[in-house]
Amino acid sequence: MASTNKTANLGLNQWVLSDPVLMEDFNADNLKIDAAVSANPYVKLLSITTTADAQQVDLDVSLVDFSRYSIIQVITDASVTPVNKASYIFARINNSGGIERQSLTTSTMVNQNYVSRSSANTLENYRCTIKMEISGIFSNTSNYFLRVRTSSATWSNGYNIEETFFCIPFIAGAKPMNINFLSSSSEAYIKAGSKFLVYGVKI
């Protein structure tokens, strides 16, 4: 017999002292957990918290199978020190920038040495957020443009958000190997304790 009580979401066994504990109940619970995990389309692929100040932080995504995901999301709360020495935190892919479409309503395209950026500030407790969504046709047989939708939020006396769209040319068979975050100045560093998260949305 199964347990007297069940968890609210998956119906997992919650035994009381008088309940018999059976192997079949454990196996059934494991199958429910496995099914719930496989059904979740949102997967954490990488989580890094820096332990030392660094001018550049590289996220190694070379082992990620991009063909399994419709979107890769990269989120950071990075900040710089000293705060008055850097104008921006830049994000790049494979240490390269992209071609920016400055507005959805215009065809103006500009080459940039980044695929996302967030303004630096003079507040000691300043932190920014940068969110990147990477999507594209990951092909081994033809050239393609990787599409990057980015947004950055800045807190100071108010709240600002910028959203831009980039495309990055790749040669046949290429894919993102690393995602780079760096201070725009050699005199400033990304602070220790900055967090970097990479998520995948499964197809």
Protein backbone atom coordinates (compact mmCIF):
# COMPACT_ATOMS: atom_id res chain seq x y z
CA MET A 1 0.00 0.00 0.00
CA ALA A 2 1.21 3.53 -0.73
CA SER A 3 1.67 6.22 1.91
CA THR A 4 -1.14 7.87 3.83
CA ASN A 5 -0.26 11.37 2.56
CA LYS A 6 0.83 12.76 -0.83
CA THR A 7 2.63 15.91 -1.93
CA ALA A 8 0.41 18.57 -3.49
CA ASN A 9 2.01 18.86 -6.95
CA LEU A 10 3.33 15.45 -8.02
CA GLY A 11 1.49 13.18 -5.62
CA LEU A 12 4.71 11.82 -4.13
CA ASN A 13 4.52 9.56 -1.12
CA GLN A 14 4.59 11.12 2.35
CA TRP A 15 4.72 8.33 4.88
CA VAL A 16 3.56 8.30 8.48
CA LEU A 17 5.09 5.92 11.02
CA SER A 18 2.34 3.34 10.63
CA ASP A 19 2.71 3.11 6.81
CA PRO A 20 4.61 0.22 5.25
CA VAL A 21 7.50 1.40 3.08
CA LEU A 22 7.68 -0.47 -0.22
CA MET A 23 10.23 -0.42 -3.04
CA GLU A 24 7.41 -0.03 -5.57
CA ASP A 25 6.40 3.28 -3.99
CA PHE A 26 9.95 4.68 -4.31
CA ASN A 27 10.16 3.55 -7.94
CA ALA A 28 6.80 5.16 -8.74
CA ASP A 29 7.94 8.44 -7.13
CA ASN A 30 11.18 8.42 -9.12
CA LEU A 31 9.27 7.98 -12.38
CA LYS A 32 7.03 10.94 -11.53
CA ILE A 33 10.05 13.12 -10.73
CA ASP A 34 11.86 12.07 -13.90
CA ALA A 35 8.80 12.86 -16.04
CA ALA A 36 8.37 16.28 -14.42
CA VAL A 37 12.03 17.20 -14.98
CA SER A 38 12.01 16.11 -18.63
CA ALA A 39 8.79 18.06 -19.27
CA ASN A 40 10.27 21.34 -17.99
CA PRO A 41 11.42 23.35 -21.05
CA TYR A 42 13.55 25.76 -19.00
CA VAL A 43 16.96 24.31 -18.08
CA LYS A 44 19.84 25.88 -16.17
CA LEU A 45 22.99 25.17 -18.18
CA LEU A 46 25.62 27.15 -16.30
CA SER A 47 25.94 29.12 -13.07
CA ILE A 48 29.08 31.04 -12.13
CA THR A 49 29.84 33.42 -9.27
CA THR A 50 33.22 35.09 -9.64
CA THR A 51 35.69 34.84 -6.77
CA ALA A 52 38.13 37.57 -7.84
CA ASP A 53 38.01 40.90 -9.64
CA ALA A 54 38.67 40.43 -13.37
CA GLN A 55 38.60 42.64 -16.43
CA GLN A 56 36.96 39.84 -18.44
CA VAL A 57 34.81 36.88 -17.44
CA ASP A 58 34.42 34.05 -19.98
CA LEU A 59 31.53 31.59 -19.86
CA ASP A 60 32.48 28.33 -21.54
CA VAL A 61 29.45 27.06 -23.50
CA SER A 62 31.41 24.81 -25.86
CA LEU A 63 29.70 21.67 -24.51
CA VAL A 64 26.17 23.02 -24.92
CA ASP A 65 24.23 21.31 -27.72
CA PHE A 66 22.56 24.39 -29.18
CA SER A 67 20.39 22.29 -31.48
CA ARG A 68 18.36 21.20 -28.43
CA TYR A 69 17.30 24.75 -27.52
CA SER A 70 15.21 27.38 -29.24
CA ILE A 71 16.66 30.17 -27.09
CA ILE A 72 19.70 30.53 -24.86
CA GLN A 73 19.30 33.14 -22.11
CA VAL A 74 22.26 34.74 -20.34
CA ILE A 75 21.64 36.83 -17.25
CA THR A 76 24.13 38.69 -15.05
CA ASP A 77 24.10 41.20 -12.23
CA ALA A 78 27.76 42.13 -12.80
CA SER A 79 29.21 45.37 -11.43
CA VAL A 80 32.58 47.10 -11.87
CA THR A 81 35.24 48.51 -9.58
CA PRO A 82 36.25 51.31 -9.34
CA VAL A 83 32.90 52.46 -10.62
CA ASN A 84 34.13 55.77 -12.06
CA LYS A 85 36.70 54.16 -14.38
CA ALA A 86 34.45 52.25 -16.81
CA SER A 87 31.60 53.57 -18.95
CA TYR A 88 30.13 50.15 -19.78
CA ILE A 89 30.12 46.44 -19.19
CA PHE A 90 30.25 44.78 -22.62
CA ALA A 91 28.98 41.33 -23.56
CA ARG A 92 30.45 39.50 -26.56
CA ILE A 93 30.19 36.07 -28.16
CA ASN A 94 33.43 34.28 -29.10
CA ASN A 95 35.17 37.58 -28.21
CA SER A 96 33.38 39.28 -31.11
CA GLY A 97 30.71 41.91 -31.46
CA GLY A 98 27.77 42.01 -33.81
CA ILE A 99 25.75 44.04 -36.26
CA GLU A 100 23.18 46.11 -34.40
CA ARG A 101 19.72 46.87 -35.67
CA GLN A 102 19.01 50.01 -33.70
CA SER A 103 15.23 49.87 -33.94
CA LEU A 104 12.53 47.46 -35.02
CA THR A 105 11.09 50.24 -37.17
CA THR A 106 14.29 51.15 -39.00
CA SER A 107 16.75 49.24 -41.14
CA THR A 108 19.77 51.15 -39.82
CA MET A 109 22.59 48.68 -39.11
CA VAL A 110 25.76 49.51 -37.18
CA ASN A 111 28.82 47.34 -36.52
CA GLN A 112 29.58 47.18 -32.80
CA ASN A 113 32.34 45.55 -30.77
CA TYR A 114 29.74 44.05 -28.40
CA VAL A 115 26.39 42.30 -28.55
CA SER A 116 25.08 43.90 -25.38
CA ARG A 117 26.18 46.57 -22.95
CA SER A 118 25.06 48.19 -19.73
CA SER A 119 26.09 51.65 -18.59
CA ALA A 120 28.40 51.98 -15.61
CA ASN A 121 27.63 54.40 -12.80
CA THR A 122 29.30 56.33 -10.00
CA LEU A 123 27.41 54.66 -7.15
CA GLU A 124 29.47 52.24 -5.07
CA ASN A 125 26.50 49.88 -4.69
CA TYR A 126 25.63 50.05 -8.39
CA ARG A 127 24.76 46.81 -10.14
CA CYS A 128 23.46 46.34 -13.63
CA THR A 129 21.57 43.56 -15.28
CA ILE A 130 22.19 42.32 -18.79
CA LYS A 131 19.92 39.76 -20.38
CA MET A 132 20.74 38.15 -23.71
CA GLU A 133 18.53 35.83 -25.73
CA ILE A 134 20.47 33.91 -28.37
CA SER A 135 18.55 32.18 -31.14
CA GLY A 136 19.28 31.11 -34.68
CA ILE A 137 19.59 28.24 -37.12
CA PHE A 138 22.48 26.16 -35.82
CA SER A 139 23.60 24.52 -39.04
CA ASN A 140 26.66 22.42 -39.90
CA THR A 141 26.15 22.78 -43.65
CA SER A 142 25.62 26.49 -44.35
CA ASN A 143 26.52 29.92 -43.13
CA TYR A 144 24.03 31.66 -40.90
CA PHE A 145 23.47 34.71 -38.76
CA LEU A 146 23.01 34.16 -35.08
CA ARG A 147 20.26 36.45 -33.79
CA VAL A 148 20.80 38.05 -30.38
CA ARG A 149 18.06 39.99 -28.63
CA THR A 150 19.46 41.91 -25.68
CA SER A 151 18.18 44.17 -22.96
CA SER A 152 19.98 45.96 -20.17
CA ALA A 153 18.57 47.64 -17.11
CA THR A 154 20.30 50.34 -15.09
CA TRP A 155 19.35 51.55 -11.65
CA SER A 156 20.54 54.98 -10.43
CA ASN A 157 18.14 57.82 -9.69
CA GLY A 158 15.66 56.16 -12.02
CA TYR A 159 15.15 53.08 -14.13
CA ASN A 160 16.25 52.77 -17.74
CA ILE A 161 16.04 49.85 -20.07
CA GLU A 162 17.58 49.46 -23.50
CA GLU A 163 16.67 46.76 -25.97
CA THR A 164 18.64 46.06 -29.13
CA PHE A 165 18.87 43.33 -31.75
CA PHE A 166 22.12 41.97 -33.17
CA CYS A 167 23.10 39.44 -35.77
CA ILE A 168 26.48 37.75 -35.72
CA PRO A 169 27.94 36.17 -38.86
CA PHE A 170 29.29 32.64 -38.41
CA ILE A 171 31.06 30.40 -40.87
CA ALA A 172 29.71 26.94 -41.66
CA GLY A 173 29.69 24.65 -38.65
CA ALA A 174 30.56 27.41 -36.19
CA LYS A 175 28.72 27.93 -32.93
CA PRO A 176 29.15 29.98 -29.75
CA MET A 177 32.07 28.57 -27.76
CA ASN A 178 32.23 31.23 -25.08
CA ILE A 179 30.25 34.25 -23.95
CA ASN A 180 32.40 37.10 -22.68
CA PHE A 181 31.69 39.92 -20.26
CA LEU A 182 34.27 42.65 -19.87
CA SER A 183 34.82 46.12 -18.53
CA SER A 184 35.05 48.81 -21.20
CA SER A 185 38.17 50.18 -19.49
CA SER A 186 41.48 48.52 -18.66
CA GLU A 187 41.41 50.51 -15.40
CA ALA A 188 38.21 48.86 -14.13
CA TYR A 189 37.31 45.29 -13.24
CA ILE A 190 34.20 43.18 -12.93
CA LYS A 191 33.73 42.72 -9.21
CA ALA A 192 34.19 39.46 -7.37
CA GLY A 193 30.79 38.08 -6.42
CA SER A 194 29.19 38.91 -9.77
CA LYS A 195 26.77 36.19 -10.90
CA PHE A 196 26.38 34.78 -14.42
CA LEU A 197 23.55 32.40 -15.32
CA VAL A 198 22.91 30.59 -18.60
CA TYR A 199 19.53 29.00 -19.29
CA GLY A 200 18.22 27.04 -22.25
CA VAL A 201 14.64 26.84 -23.49
CA LYS A 202 14.21 23.33 -24.90
CA ILE A 203 12.63 22.76 -28.28
